[in-house]
């Protein structure tokens, strides 16, 4: 296990339990006490956990895991979802992408999809995004036209938020809005942790002909702080595992198409 993987696993453990001791870390992660202390100190120095005597504790219930620590989580599921989503995209489409690890993976698959390569210098797809990391990665792809919204950058997610984002989006029309979420439930619909990011996702959905939510199975049946939209505003859910019966019934009542992406 690399240091990055250890730090990610440790951060998830602290968030899950609320607090951990050095011995808890040794037992769960199978590392030495010295390594446990170093890793805990490293997270504390980054202000990701609070160091306590003999252990550490989470910063709070509303804490948002930074993007660089989300990337290793459920990686295979995100790739499977991304590959399925790209099958919904046609040559010449205008796509809205919000930020997040799943939509970042979608952008990578879009960037190397042969069916979106046009003749000469003609772009095969236009991507409208508020995510700086997505724009940066796709900027080298000649078949992709990138439109970046204005806004103020959030360091936790690399997403642009604020009124400047809406000023860009309201003048556009999208064929697809592909939205990553932190939770999807029957009662609250699509949700995310930050209210500014929720607003951007709503704005993308409002100007889209079709709304596609991408969410691995860990997000289903859960809700987080800020609401994006009800299930009725979603056309398609792409996930990586069969949906539980109660959630499947709610999606069916809302006329949401469910695509289960399984890697070969």
Protein backbone atom coordinates (compact mmCIF):
# COMPACT_ATOMS: atom_id res chain seq x y z
CA UNK A 1 0.00 0.00 0.00
CA UNK A 2 1.43 3.36 -1.05
CA UNK A 3 1.49 6.38 1.26
CA UNK A 4 -1.36 8.01 -0.68
CA UNK A 5 -3.46 4.85 -0.34
CA UNK A 6 -2.68 4.66 3.38
CA UNK A 7 -3.62 8.29 3.94
CA UNK A 8 -6.87 7.82 2.03
CA UNK A 9 -7.73 4.68 4.00
CA UNK A 10 -6.87 6.40 7.28
CA UNK A 11 -8.94 9.48 6.45
CA UNK A 12 -11.92 7.31 5.54
CA UNK A 13 -11.51 5.38 8.82
CA UNK A 14 -11.47 8.58 10.87
CA UNK A 15 -14.54 9.98 9.08
CA UNK A 16 -16.40 6.67 9.47
CA UNK A 17 -15.71 6.26 13.19
CA UNK A 18 -15.47 9.88 14.26
CA UNK A 19 -12.29 9.18 16.23
CA UNK A 20 -9.55 6.55 16.23
CA UNK A 21 -6.66 5.51 18.43
CA UNK A 22 -3.19 4.58 17.24
CA UNK A 23 -4.03 0.97 18.06
CA UNK A 24 -7.20 1.17 15.93
CA UNK A 25 -5.07 2.29 12.97
CA UNK A 26 -2.52 -0.48 13.55
CA UNK A 27 -5.28 -3.11 13.69
CA UNK A 28 -7.31 -1.86 10.71
CA UNK A 29 -4.56 -0.85 8.29
CA UNK A 30 -1.95 -3.43 9.33
CA UNK A 31 0.81 -0.86 9.80
CA UNK A 32 3.27 -0.21 12.58
CA UNK A 33 2.50 2.23 15.39
CA UNK A 34 5.25 4.53 14.10
CA UNK A 35 3.69 4.60 10.61
CA UNK A 36 0.25 5.21 12.12
CA UNK A 37 1.56 8.21 14.04
CA UNK A 38 3.36 9.66 11.00
CA UNK A 39 0.30 9.30 8.77
CA UNK A 40 -2.00 10.78 11.39
CA UNK A 41 0.38 13.71 11.87
CA UNK A 42 0.49 14.22 8.09
CA UNK A 43 -3.31 14.48 7.90
CA UNK A 44 -3.38 16.79 10.92
CA UNK A 45 -0.78 19.09 9.32
CA UNK A 46 -3.06 19.34 6.27
CA UNK A 47 -5.97 20.16 8.62
CA UNK A 48 -7.87 17.10 7.49
CA UNK A 49 -8.19 15.61 11.00
CA UNK A 50 -7.72 16.84 14.55
CA UNK A 51 -4.86 15.21 16.45
CA UNK A 52 -5.72 14.00 19.95
CA UNK A 53 -3.70 12.33 22.68
CA UNK A 54 -3.12 8.81 21.39
CA UNK A 55 -5.12 9.21 18.19
CA UNK A 56 -7.18 11.57 16.06
CA UNK A 57 -10.74 12.69 15.39
CA UNK A 58 -12.83 13.93 12.47
CA UNK A 59 -13.32 17.65 11.93
CA UNK A 60 -17.13 17.43 11.89
CA UNK A 61 -20.17 15.70 10.41
CA UNK A 62 -20.36 18.07 7.43
CA UNK A 63 -16.75 17.56 6.46
CA UNK A 64 -16.02 17.29 2.74
CA UNK A 65 -13.31 14.89 1.64
CA UNK A 66 -10.87 16.76 -0.67
CA UNK A 67 -10.85 15.61 -4.29
CA UNK A 68 -7.32 14.18 -4.20
CA UNK A 69 -8.42 11.78 -1.45
CA UNK A 70 -11.59 10.76 -3.28
CA UNK A 71 -9.81 9.70 -6.46
CA UNK A 72 -8.74 6.18 -5.36
CA UNK A 73 -12.23 5.29 -4.06
CA UNK A 74 -14.44 2.94 -6.12
CA UNK A 75 -12.15 3.45 -9.10
CA UNK A 76 -13.34 0.43 -11.11
CA UNK A 77 -16.97 1.39 -10.63
CA UNK A 78 -16.31 4.91 -11.88
CA UNK A 79 -14.55 3.64 -15.01
CA UNK A 80 -17.44 1.27 -15.77
CA UNK A 81 -19.94 4.10 -15.31
CA UNK A 82 -17.89 6.43 -17.52
CA UNK A 83 -17.69 3.89 -20.33
CA UNK A 84 -21.46 3.39 -20.23
CA UNK A 85 -22.17 7.14 -20.20
CA UNK A 86 -20.03 7.80 -23.25
CA UNK A 87 -22.33 5.48 -25.17
CA UNK A 88 -25.09 8.06 -24.62
CA UNK A 89 -23.07 10.82 -26.28
CA UNK A 90 -23.38 11.46 -30.01
CA UNK A 91 -21.00 13.21 -32.37
CA UNK A 92 -21.57 16.96 -32.23
CA UNK A 93 -23.26 16.97 -28.82
CA UNK A 94 -22.85 19.78 -26.32
CA UNK A 95 -22.28 18.28 -22.87
CA UNK A 96 -22.40 19.91 -19.45
CA UNK A 97 -20.14 18.34 -16.80
CA UNK A 98 -19.96 19.33 -13.16
CA UNK A 99 -16.96 18.43 -11.03
CA UNK A 100 -16.20 15.24 -9.13
CA UNK A 101 -14.31 12.00 -9.49
CA UNK A 102 -16.97 10.22 -11.57
CA UNK A 103 -17.46 13.08 -14.02
CA UNK A 104 -13.67 13.44 -14.22
CA UNK A 105 -13.52 9.82 -15.34
CA UNK A 106 -16.32 10.49 -17.85
CA UNK A 107 -14.28 13.35 -19.28
CA UNK A 108 -11.23 11.10 -19.72
CA UNK A 109 -13.23 8.47 -21.61
CA UNK A 110 -14.86 11.19 -23.74
CA UNK A 111 -11.43 12.56 -24.54
CA UNK A 112 -10.19 9.29 -26.02
CA UNK A 113 -13.44 8.11 -27.68
CA UNK A 114 -12.88 7.45 -31.37
CA UNK A 115 -16.52 8.02 -32.32
CA UNK A 116 -16.14 11.66 -31.27
CA UNK A 117 -13.19 12.37 -33.56
CA UNK A 118 -14.30 14.55 -36.46
CA UNK A 119 -12.76 15.35 -39.83
CA UNK A 120 -9.85 17.75 -39.80
CA UNK A 121 -9.91 20.18 -36.90
CA UNK A 122 -13.66 19.98 -36.37
CA UNK A 123 -14.44 19.17 -32.70
CA UNK A 124 -16.54 16.06 -32.17
CA UNK A 125 -17.99 17.19 -28.85
CA UNK A 126 -18.27 20.43 -26.86
CA UNK A 127 -17.79 20.24 -23.08
CA UNK A 128 -19.13 23.00 -20.82
CA UNK A 129 -17.71 22.64 -17.31
CA UNK A 130 -17.07 24.51 -14.09
CA UNK A 131 -14.36 22.01 -13.10
CA UNK A 132 -10.82 23.28 -13.61
CA UNK A 133 -9.26 19.81 -13.51
CA UNK A 134 -11.59 18.55 -16.27
CA UNK A 135 -10.88 21.59 -18.44
CA UNK A 136 -7.13 21.16 -17.93
CA UNK A 137 -7.13 17.46 -18.85
CA UNK A 138 -9.27 17.93 -21.96
CA UNK A 139 -7.45 21.01 -23.22
CA UNK A 140 -4.93 18.81 -25.08
CA UNK A 141 -7.67 16.89 -26.94
CA UNK A 142 -8.13 18.49 -30.38
CA UNK A 143 -11.51 16.78 -30.90
CA UNK A 144 -12.95 18.42 -27.77
CA UNK A 145 -14.08 22.03 -27.61
CA UNK A 146 -13.85 23.26 -24.01
CA UNK A 147 -16.04 26.00 -22.56
CA UNK A 148 -15.12 26.95 -18.99
CA UNK A 149 -17.55 28.95 -16.89
CA UNK A 150 -16.43 31.89 -14.82
CA UNK A 151 -16.60 31.77 -11.07
CA UNK A 152 -14.59 31.43 -7.87
CA UNK A 153 -12.53 28.25 -7.45
CA UNK A 154 -13.06 25.92 -4.50
CA UNK A 155 -9.80 24.27 -3.53
CA UNK A 156 -11.56 21.18 -2.16
CA UNK A 157 -13.07 20.22 -5.51
CA UNK A 158 -11.42 22.45 -8.17
CA UNK A 159 -14.94 23.63 -9.11
CA UNK A 160 -15.92 27.19 -9.96
CA UNK A 161 -18.94 28.51 -8.07
CA UNK A 162 -20.81 31.80 -7.67
CA UNK A 163 -22.91 34.12 -9.87
CA UNK A 164 -20.37 34.25 -12.70
CA UNK A 165 -21.04 30.57 -13.39
CA UNK A 166 -24.73 31.21 -13.94
CA UNK A 167 -23.97 34.16 -16.20
CA UNK A 168 -22.22 31.75 -18.57
CA UNK A 169 -24.63 28.84 -18.36
CA UNK A 170 -27.88 30.79 -18.85
CA UNK A 171 -26.84 31.73 -22.39
CA UNK A 172 -26.29 28.11 -23.47
CA UNK A 173 -28.28 25.05 -24.51
CA UNK A 174 -26.95 21.57 -23.70
CA UNK A 175 -27.81 18.23 -25.28
CA UNK A 176 -26.80 16.43 -22.08
CA UNK A 177 -26.04 17.49 -18.53
CA UNK A 178 -23.93 14.75 -16.93
CA UNK A 179 -23.96 15.31 -13.18
CA UNK A 180 -21.98 13.68 -10.43
CA UNK A 181 -23.68 13.69 -7.01
CA UNK A 182 -22.85 12.85 -3.40
CA UNK A 183 -26.24 11.32 -2.72
CA UNK A 184 -29.38 10.15 -4.53
CA UNK A 185 -32.50 9.31 -2.55
CA UNK A 186 -36.22 8.91 -3.12
CA UNK A 187 -37.09 11.69 -0.68
CA UNK A 188 -34.52 14.35 -1.55
CA UNK A 189 -33.43 13.43 -5.08
CA UNK A 190 -29.91 14.38 -6.15
CA UNK A 191 -27.81 16.08 -3.48
CA UNK A 192 -24.27 17.25 -2.89
CA UNK A 193 -22.23 18.58 0.01
CA UNK A 194 -21.70 22.22 -1.04
CA UNK A 195 -24.57 24.59 -1.77
CA UNK A 196 -22.62 26.51 -4.41
CA UNK A 197 -21.88 23.34 -6.36
CA UNK A 198 -25.52 22.30 -6.06
CA UNK A 199 -26.56 25.58 -7.65
CA UNK A 200 -24.21 25.06 -10.59
CA UNK A 201 -25.54 21.54 -11.14
CA UNK A 202 -29.12 22.87 -11.11
CA UNK A 203 -28.20 25.51 -13.66
CA UNK A 204 -26.65 22.89 -15.97
CA UNK A 205 -29.75 20.72 -15.64
CA UNK A 206 -32.06 23.66 -16.37
CA UNK A 207 -30.53 24.30 -19.81
CA UNK A 208 -30.15 20.62 -20.80
CA UNK A 209 -32.43 18.60 -23.05
CA UNK A 210 -31.54 15.48 -21.03
CA UNK A 211 -30.15 15.07 -17.50
CA UNK A 212 -27.94 12.08 -16.70
CA UNK A 213 -26.84 11.41 -13.12
CA UNK A 214 -23.71 9.29 -12.64
CA UNK A 215 -23.40 7.69 -9.20
CA UNK A 216 -21.80 4.51 -7.92
CA UNK A 217 -23.81 2.25 -5.64
CA UNK A 218 -22.41 3.83 -2.46
CA UNK A 219 -24.29 7.07 -3.25
CA UNK A 220 -27.74 5.53 -3.70
CA UNK A 221 -30.27 5.82 -0.90
CA UNK A 222 -28.23 8.59 0.73
CA UNK A 223 -28.72 12.34 0.98
CA UNK A 224 -26.29 15.14 1.74
CA UNK A 225 -26.57 18.83 2.63
CA UNK A 226 -27.54 20.65 -0.58
CA UNK A 227 -30.32 19.59 -2.94
CA UNK A 228 -29.74 19.66 -6.70
CA UNK A 229 -33.05 18.42 -8.08
CA UNK A 230 -35.84 15.87 -7.44
CA UNK A 231 -35.82 12.49 -9.13
CA UNK A 232 -38.49 13.72 -11.54
CA UNK A 233 -35.96 16.09 -13.13
CA UNK A 234 -33.55 13.25 -13.96
CA UNK A 235 -33.86 11.34 -17.22
CA UNK A 236 -31.20 8.65 -16.72
CA UNK A 237 -29.21 7.21 -13.82
CA UNK A 238 -25.99 5.38 -14.65
CA UNK A 239 -24.66 3.31 -11.76
CA UNK A 240 -22.48 0.24 -11.30
CA UNK A 241 -24.72 -2.28 -9.53
CA UNK A 242 -28.38 -3.34 -9.44
CA UNK A 243 -30.49 -0.85 -7.50
CA UNK A 244 -32.23 -1.87 -4.25
CA UNK A 245 -35.97 -2.54 -4.62
CA UNK A 246 -37.24 0.52 -2.75
CA UNK A 247 -34.95 2.86 -4.66
CA UNK A 248 -35.76 1.12 -7.95
CA UNK A 249 -39.48 1.67 -7.33
CA UNK A 250 -38.92 5.36 -6.61
CA UNK A 251 -36.89 5.74 -9.80
CA UNK A 252 -39.59 3.95 -11.79
CA UNK A 253 -42.31 6.24 -10.39
CA UNK A 254 -40.20 9.24 -11.44
CA UNK A 255 -39.71 7.74 -14.94
CA UNK A 256 -35.93 7.61 -14.52
CA UNK A 257 -34.17 5.18 -16.87
CA UNK A 258 -31.59 3.10 -14.99
CA UNK A 259 -28.43 1.90 -16.73
CA UNK A 260 -26.29 -0.58 -14.79
CA UNK A 261 -22.70 -0.49 -16.01
CA UNK A 262 -20.77 -3.71 -15.47
CA UNK A 263 -17.18 -4.03 -16.67
CA UNK A 264 -16.42 -7.03 -18.85
